[in-house]
Amino acid sequence: MTQVFKECVHFVKCLGIYNLNLCHYKTTRPLLTNVLLRSPESLGKPWGMTYPSQDDILSLLAAIKLPDTPSNLVELGLLADLSAEMEEEGLHIRIVLEIDPAQAESMVPVRDEIQKQVEAVEGVARAAVILSAHKKAPSVGKGAKAKPPADPAAERHLPDGVRAVIAVASAKGGVGKSTTAVNLALALAKTGLSVGLLDADVYGPSLPRLLGLPQGEVVQDEATGKLLPMEAYGLACMSIGLLVPENAPMIWRGPMVHGALKQMLHDVAWGARDVLILDMPPGTGDASLSVAQHVPLAGAVIVSTPQDIALLDVRKGIAMFQKLEVPVLGLIENMSYFECPHCHGRTDIFGHGGARADAEKLGLPFLGEIPLDLKIRETSDSSLPIVATAEDSPQAAPYIEIAKKLAEML
């Protein structure tokens, strides 16, 4: 019984993004993933209708003959994008081929043949095949050779000038990860390191508010064309939130998120930085995989609250980083306890010690506890992070101690 999805999503980019070693991008059926599961019947489709997978379309494209070469367009790296969207009549397949401008005319019959064959596939309502010639692509001709499969390790490289990249992550939203990332970055800078901070949470950027950075004032370096990071408390900062209005929803699909992260990593003039801290989005989806594809991470710091409901997701996040062969540098227990500012009595609102116990169980370092404290919340909401504005306070002390441990690991 075939199951399909209501609307768009998954994609393939064969220039190093579609990789058989990364199972997230290799599906057998259906082509559409990561959206609301619906039955064909609910969409007015008969249960007997089938829909092609990514592999089905790739196999079809690989069989298309090209002029003057035995190699196919997938081998040559011409396939720049493959996406699908569910419409009333069936799938709308979109294919983008990057070609040499000089060969645009000879590729028109190939384009027409692809459209004809894809539209003949059961479950496909229409196909759009686009020839993109805005940059020089691999040649199609007698001298053309098949491009070897991309090596994922070769695709990853550090941003220019950056010595190490550390991800601050949590597989659960609402655990104070962004506040922790900002204060850890500031504390690392206090150790004498040159620090950059990238807000990789495209859907919920919080860096502008936490650091009081104005929106719409990011400028481009005229010589290199790269974006110039904004400065706050000695940190070089970049966030999608600096480029769009604060209340604008980011209704982006996977390819757009992937492209935005790549641009903020490699098309920003970070300068000479000892470490770049990435404030990762919650969860284990496209953004985390995109980051792992684009940069060799020195490690990941996992932030969690003590209670079991948060730790369940944290374990998934740890497993994801381990699967991606990213070292987990340790766990931080945020909102570890609450101390009354009046009577100084302590209350473990979310429990206590859960992250430490998990770290011990998994054989990972436990980096420290950060309390649930009114001053941390007030300074964060006021764009006056506690480590920057009250370095000697008891609230800043845990961040500084954790940063010292991380600095020793670099």
Protein backbone atom coordinates (compact mmCIF):
# COMPACT_ATOMS: atom_id res chain seq x y z
CA MET A 1 0.00 0.00 0.00
CA THR A 2 1.78 3.11 -1.20
CA GLN A 3 1.96 6.08 1.12
CA VAL A 4 2.69 9.60 -0.09
CA PHE A 5 2.98 13.06 1.35
CA LYS A 6 0.85 16.16 1.08
CA GLU A 7 3.38 18.64 -0.23
CA CYS A 8 6.99 19.21 -1.26
CA VAL A 9 10.16 18.23 0.02
CA HIS A 10 13.09 16.14 -0.41
CA PHE A 11 15.87 17.01 -2.72
CA VAL A 12 19.05 15.66 -4.18
CA LYS A 13 22.12 17.66 -5.07
CA CYS A 14 24.56 15.45 -6.85
CA LEU A 15 27.52 17.81 -6.49
CA GLY A 16 28.58 16.24 -3.22
CA ILE A 17 25.26 16.48 -1.36
CA TYR A 18 23.64 13.29 -2.53
CA ASN A 19 25.97 10.75 -0.96
CA LEU A 20 25.31 7.07 -0.50
CA ASN A 21 27.32 7.12 2.72
CA LEU A 22 24.90 9.61 4.30
CA CYS A 23 21.74 7.60 4.70
CA HIS A 24 19.66 10.75 5.33
CA TYR A 25 19.87 11.56 1.61
CA LYS A 26 19.40 8.04 0.31
CA THR A 27 15.81 6.91 0.15
CA THR A 28 14.12 4.05 -1.63
CA ARG A 29 10.53 5.25 -1.50
CA PRO A 30 8.95 7.75 -1.54
CA LEU A 31 10.72 10.70 -3.16
CA LEU A 32 8.97 13.08 -0.78
CA THR A 33 10.07 13.00 2.86
CA ASN A 34 9.99 14.99 6.08
CA VAL A 35 6.44 16.26 5.69
CA LEU A 36 2.97 15.31 6.86
CA LEU A 37 2.16 11.73 5.93
CA ARG A 38 -1.13 11.42 4.07
CA SER A 39 -2.81 8.64 2.17
CA PRO A 40 -3.32 8.91 -1.61
CA GLU A 41 -7.03 8.42 -0.97
CA SER A 42 -7.17 11.58 1.18
CA LEU A 43 -5.66 13.50 -1.72
CA GLY A 44 -8.10 12.06 -4.20
CA LYS A 45 -5.54 9.54 -5.49
CA PRO A 46 -6.26 5.85 -5.91
CA TRP A 47 -4.42 3.50 -3.55
CA GLY A 48 -3.03 1.64 -6.56
CA MET A 49 -1.04 4.63 -7.84
CA THR A 50 2.71 4.48 -7.22
CA TYR A 51 5.20 7.31 -7.03
CA PRO A 52 8.87 7.28 -8.06
CA SER A 53 11.75 7.39 -5.60
CA GLN A 54 14.90 9.45 -5.86
CA ASP A 55 16.71 6.35 -7.06
CA ASP A 56 14.06 5.77 -9.74
CA ILE A 57 14.55 9.24 -11.20
CA LEU A 58 18.35 9.07 -10.90
CA SER A 59 18.38 5.74 -12.74
CA LEU A 60 16.22 7.21 -15.50
CA LEU A 61 18.54 10.22 -15.84
CA ALA A 62 21.61 8.00 -15.93
CA ALA A 63 20.14 6.15 -18.91
CA ILE A 64 19.65 9.31 -20.99
CA LYS A 65 22.20 9.46 -23.82
CA LEU A 66 24.34 12.57 -24.15
CA PRO A 67 25.91 13.82 -27.39
CA ASP A 68 29.49 12.69 -28.13
CA THR A 69 30.19 10.93 -24.83
CA PRO A 70 29.52 7.50 -23.31
CA SER A 71 29.20 9.06 -19.84
CA ASN A 72 25.83 10.06 -18.41
CA LEU A 73 24.83 13.37 -16.86
CA VAL A 74 24.87 12.01 -13.28
CA GLU A 75 28.44 10.73 -13.67
CA LEU A 76 29.53 14.03 -15.19
CA GLY A 77 28.12 16.01 -12.26
CA LEU A 78 25.64 17.98 -14.39
CA LEU A 79 22.69 17.32 -12.09
CA ALA A 80 22.51 20.34 -9.79
CA ASP A 81 19.07 19.84 -8.28
CA LEU A 82 16.27 17.30 -8.16
CA SER A 83 13.13 18.09 -6.20
CA ALA A 84 9.50 17.02 -6.12
CA GLU A 85 6.20 18.56 -5.09
CA MET A 86 2.80 16.94 -4.78
CA GLU A 87 0.11 18.55 -6.89
CA GLU A 88 -3.51 17.62 -7.44
CA GLU A 89 -2.73 15.44 -10.47
CA GLY A 90 0.46 13.88 -9.10
CA LEU A 91 4.11 14.76 -8.63
CA HIS A 92 5.74 17.84 -10.13
CA ILE A 93 9.39 16.93 -10.69
CA ARG A 94 11.93 19.76 -11.04
CA ILE A 95 15.36 19.02 -12.50
CA VAL A 96 18.19 21.54 -12.88
CA LEU A 97 21.22 20.76 -15.06
CA GLU A 98 24.33 22.93 -14.85
CA ILE A 99 25.96 23.00 -18.28
CA ASP A 100 28.71 24.79 -20.13
CA PRO A 101 27.15 27.87 -21.81
CA ALA A 102 28.87 26.90 -25.07
CA GLN A 103 26.90 23.64 -25.17
CA ALA A 104 23.47 25.07 -24.37
CA GLU A 105 22.12 24.54 -27.89
CA SER A 106 23.27 20.91 -28.13
CA MET A 107 21.68 20.12 -24.76
CA VAL A 108 18.18 21.29 -25.74
CA PRO A 109 17.24 17.89 -27.26
CA VAL A 110 18.55 16.21 -24.11
CA ARG A 111 16.37 18.48 -21.99
CA ASP A 112 13.30 17.65 -24.07
CA GLU A 113 14.02 13.91 -23.87
CA ILE A 114 14.38 14.06 -20.08
CA GLN A 115 11.08 15.88 -19.74
CA LYS A 116 9.35 13.35 -21.99
CA GLN A 117 10.69 10.33 -20.13
CA VAL A 118 10.10 11.69 -16.62
CA GLU A 119 6.51 12.66 -17.45
CA ALA A 120 5.95 9.09 -18.67
CA VAL A 121 6.73 7.72 -15.18
CA GLU A 122 3.66 6.59 -13.24
CA GLY A 123 2.68 9.11 -10.56
CA VAL A 124 4.37 12.07 -12.29
CA ALA A 125 2.00 14.78 -13.50
CA ARG A 126 4.59 17.08 -15.05
CA ALA A 127 8.30 17.72 -15.16
CA ALA A 128 10.28 20.94 -15.46
CA VAL A 129 13.83 20.55 -16.78
CA ILE A 130 16.00 23.66 -16.50
CA LEU A 131 19.35 24.19 -18.20
CA SER A 132 21.46 26.46 -16.01
CA ALA A 133 24.42 28.01 -17.82
CA HIS A 134 25.32 30.81 -15.40
CA LYS A 135 28.70 29.23 -14.66
CA LYS A 136 31.02 26.88 -16.46
CA ALA A 137 30.10 23.25 -15.78
CA PRO A 138 31.79 19.98 -16.77
CA SER A 139 31.93 19.61 -20.55
CA VAL A 140 29.86 17.11 -22.46
CA GLY A 141 31.88 15.74 -25.33
CA LYS A 142 34.36 13.19 -26.55
CA GLY A 143 36.98 14.23 -24.04
CA ALA A 144 34.59 14.25 -21.11
CA LYS A 145 35.25 11.75 -18.38
CA ALA A 146 32.99 10.53 -15.65
CA LYS A 147 33.55 12.39 -12.39
CA PRO A 148 34.51 10.07 -9.52
CA PRO A 149 32.13 9.98 -6.55
CA ALA A 150 32.67 12.92 -4.21
CA ASP A 151 34.63 12.21 -1.06
CA PRO A 152 32.63 13.67 1.88
CA ALA A 153 35.84 14.37 3.80
CA ALA A 154 37.21 16.35 0.85
CA GLU A 155 34.03 18.45 0.73
CA ARG A 156 34.52 19.61 4.33
CA HIS A 157 36.88 22.45 5.11
CA LEU A 158 37.23 25.10 7.77
CA PRO A 159 36.10 28.64 7.03
CA ASP A 160 39.03 30.83 5.97
CA GLY A 161 41.03 31.94 8.99
CA VAL A 162 39.21 29.70 11.49
CA ARG A 163 41.32 27.16 13.42
CA ALA A 164 38.51 25.11 15.01
CA VAL A 165 34.71 24.86 14.99
CA ILE A 166 32.68 23.71 18.01
CA ALA A 167 28.94 23.01 17.85
CA VAL A 168 26.79 23.80 20.88
CA ALA A 169 23.77 21.58 20.45
CA SER A 170 20.72 20.09 22.07
CA ALA A 171 18.27 17.71 20.51
CA LYS A 172 15.53 19.38 22.57
CA GLY A 173 14.23 22.92 22.27
CA GLY A 174 13.76 25.15 25.29
CA VAL A 175 16.76 24.00 27.32
CA GLY A 176 18.65 27.30 27.14
CA LYS A 177 21.12 26.25 24.46
CA SER A 178 21.42 29.68 22.79
CA THR A 179 21.98 31.50 26.07
CA THR A 180 24.61 28.89 26.93
CA ALA A 181 26.29 29.20 23.50
CA VAL A 182 26.53 33.01 23.76
CA ASN A 183 27.95 32.98 27.30
CA LEU A 184 30.38 30.16 26.47
CA ALA A 185 31.64 32.12 23.46
CA LEU A 186 32.14 35.20 25.66
CA ALA A 187 33.86 33.11 28.34
CA LEU A 188 36.20 31.56 25.75
CA ALA A 189 37.10 35.08 24.63
CA LYS A 190 37.95 35.87 28.27
CA THR A 191 40.62 33.14 28.11
CA GLY A 192 42.41 35.11 25.41
CA LEU A 193 41.05 33.28 22.36
CA SER A 194 39.75 35.05 19.27
CA VAL A 195 36.16 33.83 18.96
CA GLY A 196 33.46 33.87 16.30
CA LEU A 197 29.81 33.00 16.92
CA LEU A 198 27.46 31.71 14.23
CA ASP A 199 23.74 31.34 14.87
CA ALA A 200 22.99 28.23 12.82
CA ASP A 201 19.35 28.11 13.93
CA VAL A 202 17.81 29.35 10.67
CA TYR A 203 14.21 28.88 11.81
CA GLY A 204 14.58 30.48 15.25
CA PRO A 205 17.59 32.83 15.30
CA SER A 206 18.14 34.40 18.73
CA LEU A 207 21.63 35.88 18.43
CA PRO A 208 20.45 39.43 17.51
CA ARG A 209 18.32 39.65 20.65
CA LEU A 210 20.85 38.04 22.99
CA LEU A 211 23.66 40.36 21.86
CA GLY A 212 21.66 43.46 20.94
CA LEU A 213 22.75 43.42 17.30
CA PRO A 214 20.85 45.65 14.84
CA GLN A 215 19.17 44.02 11.86
CA GLY A 216 19.72 44.98 8.25
CA GLU A 217 23.20 46.46 8.80
CA VAL A 218 25.34 43.57 7.56
CA VAL A 219 27.61 44.78 4.76
CA GLN A 220 29.68 43.09 2.09
CA ASP A 221 33.42 43.36 1.64
CA GLU A 222 33.89 45.05 -1.74
CA ALA A 223 37.15 43.26 -2.48
CA THR A 224 36.11 39.67 -1.66
CA GLY A 225 32.32 39.84 -1.89
CA LYS A 226 32.08 38.16 1.52
CA LEU A 227 29.73 39.31 4.27
CA LEU A 228 31.38 41.10 7.18
CA PRO A 229 30.42 39.71 10.60
CA MET A 230 29.05 42.10 13.19
CA GLU A 231 30.96 42.72 16.40
CA ALA A 232 29.49 42.36 19.88
CA TYR A 233 31.47 42.23 23.13
CA GLY A 234 34.58 41.24 21.19
CA LEU A 235 32.87 38.43 19.26
CA ALA A 236 32.55 38.23 15.46
CA CYS A 237 28.89 37.33 14.92
CA MET A 238 26.63 36.21 12.09
CA SER A 239 23.00 35.10 12.06
CA ILE A 240 20.22 34.84 9.51
CA GLY A 241 18.36 37.02 12.02
CA LEU A 242 20.66 39.90 11.07
CA LEU A 243 19.52 39.68 7.46
CA VAL A 244 15.72 39.41 7.84
CA PRO A 245 13.11 41.25 9.95
CA GLU A 246 12.76 39.91 13.51
CA ASN A 247 9.15 38.80 13.06
CA ALA A 248 9.57 37.33 9.56
CA PRO A 249 8.90 33.55 9.53
CA MET A 250 11.56 31.47 7.77
CA ILE A 251 9.39 29.21 5.62
CA TRP A 252 12.32 27.44 4.03
CA ARG A 253 12.73 23.94 2.69
CA GLY A 254 15.82 21.78 2.98
CA PRO A 255 17.82 23.13 0.01
CA MET A 256 17.40 26.73 1.15
CA VAL A 257 18.50 25.91 4.70
CA HIS A 258 21.47 23.99 3.32
CA GLY A 259 22.48 26.92 1.11
CA ALA A 260 22.08 29.50 3.88
CA LEU A 261 24.26 27.53 6.28
CA LYS A 262 26.94 27.01 3.64
CA GLN A 263 26.98 30.74 2.88
CA MET A 264 27.18 31.79 6.54
CA LEU A 265 30.03 29.36 7.13
CA HIS A 266 32.17 30.02 4.06
CA ASP A 267 31.00 33.34 2.59
CA VAL A 268 31.57 35.37 5.74
CA ALA A 269 34.90 37.11 6.33
CA TRP A 270 35.50 35.61 9.78
CA GLY A 271 39.11 36.74 9.92
CA ALA A 272 41.66 34.97 12.13
CA ARG A 273 39.67 33.07 14.76
CA ASP A 274 40.93 30.48 17.22
CA VAL A 275 37.45 29.01 17.44
CA LEU A 276 34.05 29.46 15.82
CA ILE A 277 31.11 28.53 18.05
CA LEU A 278 28.00 27.27 16.25
CA ASP A 279 24.69 27.71 18.04
CA MET A 280 22.98 24.72 16.47
CA PRO A 281 19.22 24.40 15.96
CA PRO A 282 17.43 21.87 18.16
CA GLY A 283 16.84 18.41 16.72
CA THR A 284 18.75 16.11 14.41
CA GLY A 285 17.53 17.23 10.99
CA ASP A 286 18.85 18.85 7.80
CA ALA A 287 20.70 21.70 9.49
CA SER A 288 22.88 19.42 11.61
CA LEU A 289 23.71 17.26 8.61
CA SER A 290 24.49 20.29 6.47
CA VAL A 291 26.93 21.61 9.04
CA ALA A 292 28.61 18.20 9.32
CA GLN A 293 28.99 18.14 5.53
CA HIS A 294 30.53 21.60 5.26
CA VAL A 295 32.98 21.82 8.17
CA PRO A 296 35.16 19.36 10.10
CA LEU A 297 33.84 19.90 13.63
CA ALA A 298 36.41 19.80 16.44
CA GLY A 299 33.58 18.59 18.63
CA ALA A 300 30.08 19.10 19.99
CA VAL A 301 28.97 20.36 23.40
CA ILE A 302 25.57 19.01 24.42
CA VAL A 303 23.25 21.15 26.56
CA SER A 304 20.39 19.55 28.50
CA THR A 305 18.15 20.13 31.46
CA PRO A 306 18.17 17.41 34.14
CA GLN A 307 14.77 15.82 33.56
CA ASP A 308 14.26 12.56 31.68
CA ILE A 309 12.03 14.07 28.96
CA ALA A 310 14.93 16.27 27.81
CA LEU A 311 17.56 13.57 28.22
CA LEU A 312 15.64 11.19 25.95
CA ASP A 313 16.20 13.56 23.02
CA VAL A 314 19.72 14.43 24.10
CA ARG A 315 20.72 10.78 23.75
CA LYS A 316 19.49 10.90 20.15
CA GLY A 317 21.58 14.00 19.53
CA ILE A 318 24.67 12.33 20.97
CA ALA A 319 24.06 9.27 18.78
CA MET A 320 23.75 11.53 15.72
CA PHE A 321 27.10 13.21 16.35
CA GLN A 322 28.74 9.86 16.99
CA LYS A 323 27.32 8.53 13.73
CA LEU A 324 28.74 11.56 11.94
CA GLU A 325 32.09 10.87 13.65
CA VAL A 326 32.02 14.19 15.51
CA PRO A 327 33.63 14.01 18.98
CA VAL A 328 31.27 14.85 21.85
CA LEU A 329 33.32 17.11 24.11
CA GLY A 330 30.92 16.81 27.01
CA LEU A 331 27.51 17.55 28.54
CA ILE A 332 26.30 20.65 30.35
CA GLU A 333 23.36 20.51 32.74
CA ASN A 334 21.47 23.80 32.34
CA MET A 335 18.76 24.92 34.80
CA SER A 336 20.39 22.41 37.12
CA TYR A 337 18.88 23.85 40.29
CA PHE A 338 17.19 27.00 41.62
CA GLU A 339 18.44 28.97 44.60
CA CYS A 340 15.94 31.40 46.15
CA PRO A 341 17.46 34.91 46.13
CA HIS A 342 15.72 35.68 49.45
CA CYS A 343 16.15 32.66 51.71
CA HIS A 344 18.87 30.94 49.62
CA GLY A 345 17.01 27.67 49.87
CA ARG A 346 17.63 25.33 46.95
CA THR A 347 14.92 23.66 44.84
CA ASP A 348 15.58 21.15 42.08
CA ILE A 349 12.73 22.28 39.83
CA PHE A 350 13.64 20.00 36.91
CA GLY A 351 15.36 17.38 39.02
CA HIS A 352 19.11 17.33 39.37
CA GLY A 353 22.07 15.32 38.15
CA GLY A 354 20.44 13.72 35.12
CA ALA A 355 22.99 15.05 32.62
CA ARG A 356 25.90 14.07 34.86
CA ALA A 357 24.51 10.55 35.23
CA ASP A 358 24.04 10.22 31.45
CA ALA A 359 27.57 11.48 30.82
CA GLU A 360 29.00 8.88 33.18
CA LYS A 361 26.86 6.15 31.64
CA LEU A 362 27.99 7.08 28.12
CA GLY A 363 31.63 7.59 29.07
CA LEU A 364 31.56 11.31 28.17
CA PRO A 365 32.97 14.29 30.09
CA PHE A 366 30.57 16.21 32.30
CA LEU A 367 31.45 19.88 31.86
CA GLY A 368 29.40 21.48 34.60
CA GLU A 369 26.10 22.72 36.04
CA ILE A 370 24.44 26.07 35.32
CA PRO A 371 21.66 27.15 37.71
CA LEU A 372 18.21 28.41 36.85
CA ASP A 373 18.76 32.03 37.81
CA LEU A 374 16.77 35.22 37.39
CA LYS A 375 19.83 37.34 36.56
CA ILE A 376 20.84 35.07 33.68
CA ARG A 377 17.35 35.40 32.24
CA GLU A 378 17.15 39.16 32.77
CA THR A 379 20.56 39.90 31.25
CA SER A 380 19.82 37.66 28.25
CA ASP A 381 16.49 39.33 27.54
CA SER A 382 18.16 42.76 27.89
CA SER A 383 20.95 41.91 25.39
CA LEU A 384 23.46 42.16 28.25
CA PRO A 385 24.80 38.60 28.61
CA ILE A 386 25.97 37.81 32.13
CA VAL A 387 29.56 36.88 31.22
CA ALA A 388 30.05 40.18 29.36
CA THR A 389 28.39 42.48 31.89
CA ALA A 390 28.96 40.75 35.24
CA GLU A 391 32.07 38.64 34.76
CA ASP A 392 32.78 38.35 38.49
CA SER A 393 29.24 37.36 39.46
CA PRO A 394 28.41 33.87 40.77
CA GLN A 395 26.06 33.45 37.78
CA ALA A 396 28.92 33.92 35.29
CA ALA A 397 31.30 31.58 37.13
CA PRO A 398 29.95 28.26 35.69
CA TYR A 399 30.30 29.50 32.10
CA ILE A 400 33.87 30.63 32.73
CA GLU A 401 34.85 27.31 34.33
CA ILE A 402 33.34 25.32 31.45
CA ALA A 403 35.09 27.57 28.90
CA LYS A 404 38.45 26.89 30.55
CA LYS A 405 37.86 23.16 30.13
CA LEU A 406 36.97 23.62 26.46
CA ALA A 407 39.97 25.85 25.82
CA GLU A 408 42.23 23.07 27.10
CA MET A 409 40.66 20.67 24.59
CA LEU A 410 41.41 22.87 21.57
